[in-house]
Amino acid sequence: MRKWRKYAVYALALYALSVLVFRYSSGGTGWGTALLLALVATPLALWMGWLRSRLNERAAEWGRRRFRPWPEERRR
């Protein structure tokens, strides 16, 4: 499966799950409201996931560049 198709399937599944969660949550909103809320929540959730992975990659890169062994582990 191509990369963009994988992301499209993931986004649609997340949208459908969000609609169901908003529709059948304890408050029980209507279908129209659930569809609109999921339309706002889906891109936000995808962006937050992208941001988390980006920050983790940057932190790992920073850790590789700034790594210093403990004094006991240094070779003399």
N, C-alpha and C. Protein backbone atom coordinates (compact mmCIF):
# COMPACT_ATOMS: atom_id res chain seq x y z
N MET A 1 0.85 -1.17 0.00
CA MET A 1 0.00 0.00 0.00
C MET A 1 0.90 1.24 0.00
N ARG A 2 0.53 2.20 -0.80
CA ARG A 2 1.32 3.42 -0.85
C ARG A 2 1.18 4.21 0.43
N LYS A 3 2.15 5.08 0.66
CA LYS A 3 2.20 5.81 1.92
C LYS A 3 0.97 6.71 2.10
N TRP A 4 0.56 7.40 1.05
CA TRP A 4 -0.58 8.32 1.20
C TRP A 4 -1.88 7.55 1.40
N ARG A 5 -1.97 6.36 0.83
CA ARG A 5 -3.17 5.55 1.05
C ARG A 5 -3.23 5.06 2.49
N LYS A 6 -2.08 4.71 3.01
CA LYS A 6 -2.03 4.25 4.40
C LYS A 6 -2.48 5.38 5.33
N TYR A 7 -2.01 6.60 5.07
CA TYR A 7 -2.41 7.73 5.89
C TYR A 7 -3.89 8.06 5.71
N ALA A 8 -4.41 7.90 4.50
CA ALA A 8 -5.84 8.16 4.25
C ALA A 8 -6.71 7.16 4.99
N VAL A 9 -6.33 5.89 4.95
CA VAL A 9 -7.09 4.87 5.67
C VAL A 9 -7.03 5.12 7.17
N TYR A 10 -5.86 5.49 7.66
CA TYR A 10 -5.70 5.78 9.09
C TYR A 10 -6.56 6.98 9.50
N ALA A 11 -6.58 8.03 8.66
CA ALA A 11 -7.38 9.21 8.98
C ALA A 11 -8.87 8.90 8.96
N LEU A 12 -9.31 8.12 7.99
CA LEU A 12 -10.74 7.76 7.93
C LEU A 12 -11.15 6.89 9.11
N ALA A 13 -10.29 5.97 9.50
CA ALA A 13 -10.59 5.13 10.66
C ALA A 13 -10.65 5.97 11.94
N LEU A 14 -9.73 6.90 12.06
CA LEU A 14 -9.73 7.78 13.23
C LEU A 14 -10.98 8.66 13.24
N TYR A 15 -11.38 9.14 12.06
CA TYR A 15 -12.60 9.96 11.96
C TYR A 15 -13.83 9.15 12.37
N ALA A 16 -13.94 7.93 11.85
CA ALA A 16 -15.10 7.10 12.17
C ALA A 16 -15.14 6.77 13.66
N LEU A 17 -14.00 6.46 14.23
CA LEU A 17 -13.94 6.17 15.66
C LEU A 17 -14.31 7.39 16.48
N SER A 18 -13.84 8.56 16.07
CA SER A 18 -14.17 9.79 16.78
C SER A 18 -15.67 10.08 16.73
N VAL A 19 -16.27 9.86 15.57
CA VAL A 19 -17.72 10.08 15.44
C VAL A 19 -18.47 9.17 16.40
N LEU A 20 -18.08 7.91 16.44
CA LEU A 20 -18.77 6.97 17.33
C LEU A 20 -18.57 7.32 18.79
N VAL A 21 -17.38 7.74 19.14
CA VAL A 21 -17.11 8.12 20.54
C VAL A 21 -17.94 9.34 20.92
N PHE A 22 -17.98 10.35 20.06
CA PHE A 22 -18.76 11.55 20.38
C PHE A 22 -20.26 11.24 20.40
N ARG A 23 -20.71 10.37 19.52
CA ARG A 23 -22.14 10.07 19.43
C ARG A 23 -22.61 9.26 20.64
N TYR A 24 -21.84 8.26 21.02
CA TYR A 24 -22.29 7.36 22.09
C TYR A 24 -21.59 7.60 23.43
N SER A 25 -21.02 8.76 23.61
CA SER A 25 -20.42 9.07 24.91
C SER A 25 -21.53 9.31 25.93
N SER A 26 -21.15 9.62 27.15
CA SER A 26 -22.16 9.75 28.21
C SER A 26 -23.10 10.93 27.95
N GLY A 27 -22.61 11.97 27.27
CA GLY A 27 -23.49 13.10 26.95
C GLY A 27 -24.46 12.79 25.84
N GLY A 28 -24.03 11.95 24.89
CA GLY A 28 -24.90 11.54 23.81
C GLY A 28 -25.30 12.65 22.86
N THR A 29 -24.34 13.26 22.18
CA THR A 29 -24.66 14.31 21.22
C THR A 29 -25.34 13.72 19.99
N GLY A 30 -25.94 14.57 19.18
CA GLY A 30 -26.60 14.12 17.96
C GLY A 30 -25.58 13.76 16.88
N TRP A 31 -26.08 13.17 15.80
CA TRP A 31 -25.18 12.75 14.73
C TRP A 31 -24.50 13.92 14.06
N GLY A 32 -25.23 15.01 13.84
CA GLY A 32 -24.64 16.19 13.19
C GLY A 32 -23.52 16.80 14.01
N THR A 33 -23.77 16.94 15.28
CA THR A 33 -22.75 17.49 16.18
C THR A 33 -21.55 16.56 16.27
N ALA A 34 -21.79 15.27 16.33
CA ALA A 34 -20.70 14.29 16.41
C ALA A 34 -19.84 14.33 15.15
N LEU A 35 -20.49 14.46 13.98
CA LEU A 35 -19.74 14.55 12.73
C LEU A 35 -18.88 15.80 12.68
N LEU A 36 -19.42 16.92 13.13
CA LEU A 36 -18.66 18.18 13.13
C LEU A 36 -17.51 18.16 14.14
N LEU A 37 -17.77 17.63 15.31
CA LEU A 37 -16.71 17.55 16.32
C LEU A 37 -15.58 16.63 15.86
N ALA A 38 -15.93 15.52 15.24
CA ALA A 38 -14.91 14.61 14.73
C ALA A 38 -14.12 15.24 13.59
N LEU A 39 -14.79 16.09 12.80
CA LEU A 39 -14.11 16.78 11.71
C LEU A 39 -13.05 17.74 12.24
N VAL A 40 -13.28 18.28 13.42
CA VAL A 40 -12.29 19.16 14.05
C VAL A 40 -11.24 18.34 14.79
N ALA A 41 -11.66 17.28 15.45
CA ALA A 41 -10.76 16.51 16.31
C ALA A 41 -9.78 15.65 15.52
N THR A 42 -10.16 15.16 14.35
CA THR A 42 -9.30 14.26 13.59
C THR A 42 -7.99 14.92 13.14
N PRO A 43 -8.04 16.10 12.47
CA PRO A 43 -6.76 16.72 12.10
C PRO A 43 -5.92 17.10 13.32
N LEU A 44 -6.59 17.50 14.39
CA LEU A 44 -5.86 17.84 15.61
C LEU A 44 -5.14 16.63 16.17
N ALA A 45 -5.80 15.48 16.20
CA ALA A 45 -5.17 14.27 16.71
C ALA A 45 -4.02 13.81 15.81
N LEU A 46 -4.21 13.91 14.50
CA LEU A 46 -3.14 13.54 13.58
C LEU A 46 -1.94 14.46 13.73
N TRP A 47 -2.20 15.77 13.89
CA TRP A 47 -1.11 16.73 14.09
C TRP A 47 -0.37 16.46 15.40
N MET A 48 -1.10 16.15 16.45
CA MET A 48 -0.46 15.87 17.73
C MET A 48 0.40 14.61 17.65
N GLY A 49 -0.05 13.61 16.93
CA GLY A 49 0.76 12.40 16.74
C GLY A 49 2.01 12.69 15.95
N TRP A 50 1.89 13.51 14.89
CA TRP A 50 3.07 13.89 14.10
C TRP A 50 4.04 14.69 14.96
N LEU A 51 3.51 15.62 15.75
CA LEU A 51 4.37 16.45 16.60
C LEU A 51 5.10 15.61 17.64
N ARG A 52 4.42 14.63 18.20
CA ARG A 52 5.06 13.76 19.20
C ARG A 52 6.21 12.96 18.59
N SER A 53 5.99 12.40 17.41
CA SER A 53 7.06 11.62 16.77
C SER A 53 8.21 12.53 16.38
N ARG A 54 7.91 13.73 15.92
CA ARG A 54 8.97 14.68 15.54
C ARG A 54 9.81 15.08 16.76
N LEU A 55 9.15 15.35 17.87
CA LEU A 55 9.89 15.72 19.08
C LEU A 55 10.74 14.56 19.58
N ASN A 56 10.22 13.33 19.49
CA ASN A 56 11.01 12.17 19.91
C ASN A 56 12.23 11.98 19.02
N GLU A 57 12.06 12.19 17.71
CA GLU A 57 13.21 12.08 16.80
C GLU A 57 14.26 13.14 17.11
N ARG A 58 13.80 14.36 17.35
CA ARG A 58 14.74 15.45 17.65
C ARG A 58 15.45 15.21 18.98
N ALA A 59 14.73 14.68 19.97
CA ALA A 59 15.35 14.40 21.26
C ALA A 59 16.39 13.30 21.14
N ALA A 60 16.10 12.27 20.34
CA ALA A 60 17.08 11.20 20.15
C ALA A 60 18.32 11.73 19.43
N GLU A 61 18.11 12.58 18.45
CA GLU A 61 19.25 13.18 17.74
C GLU A 61 20.07 14.04 18.69
N TRP A 62 19.41 14.83 19.50
CA TRP A 62 20.11 15.69 20.45
C TRP A 62 20.89 14.84 21.46
N GLY A 63 20.28 13.73 21.91
CA GLY A 63 20.95 12.85 22.86
C GLY A 63 22.19 12.20 22.26
N ARG A 64 22.14 11.86 20.98
CA ARG A 64 23.33 11.28 20.33
C ARG A 64 24.45 12.30 20.23
N ARG A 65 24.11 13.54 19.97
CA ARG A 65 25.15 14.56 19.82
C ARG A 65 25.73 14.98 21.17
N ARG A 66 24.92 14.97 22.20
CA ARG A 66 25.34 15.50 23.51
C ARG A 66 25.74 14.43 24.49
N PHE A 67 25.84 13.19 24.05
CA PHE A 67 26.10 12.09 24.96
C PHE A 67 27.51 12.19 25.53
N ARG A 68 27.61 12.12 26.82
CA ARG A 68 28.89 12.05 27.52
C ARG A 68 28.83 10.88 28.47
N PRO A 69 29.80 10.00 28.43
CA PRO A 69 29.78 8.88 29.36
C PRO A 69 30.03 9.35 30.80
N TRP A 70 29.62 8.54 31.73
CA TRP A 70 29.90 8.84 33.12
C TRP A 70 31.41 8.81 33.34
N PRO A 71 31.89 9.53 34.34
CA PRO A 71 33.34 9.55 34.57
C PRO A 71 33.94 8.15 34.78
N GLU A 72 33.17 7.26 35.38
CA GLU A 72 33.69 5.91 35.61
C GLU A 72 33.84 5.16 34.30
N GLU A 73 33.08 5.49 33.30
CA GLU A 73 33.09 4.76 32.04
C GLU A 73 34.07 5.34 31.02
N ARG A 74 34.65 6.48 31.32
CA ARG A 74 35.58 7.10 30.37
C ARG A 74 36.87 6.31 30.31
N ARG A 75 37.40 6.24 29.13
CA ARG A 75 38.71 5.61 28.97
C ARG A 75 39.77 6.67 29.17
N ARG A 76 40.83 6.29 29.86
CA ARG A 76 41.89 7.28 30.12
C ARG A 76 43.03 7.12 29.18
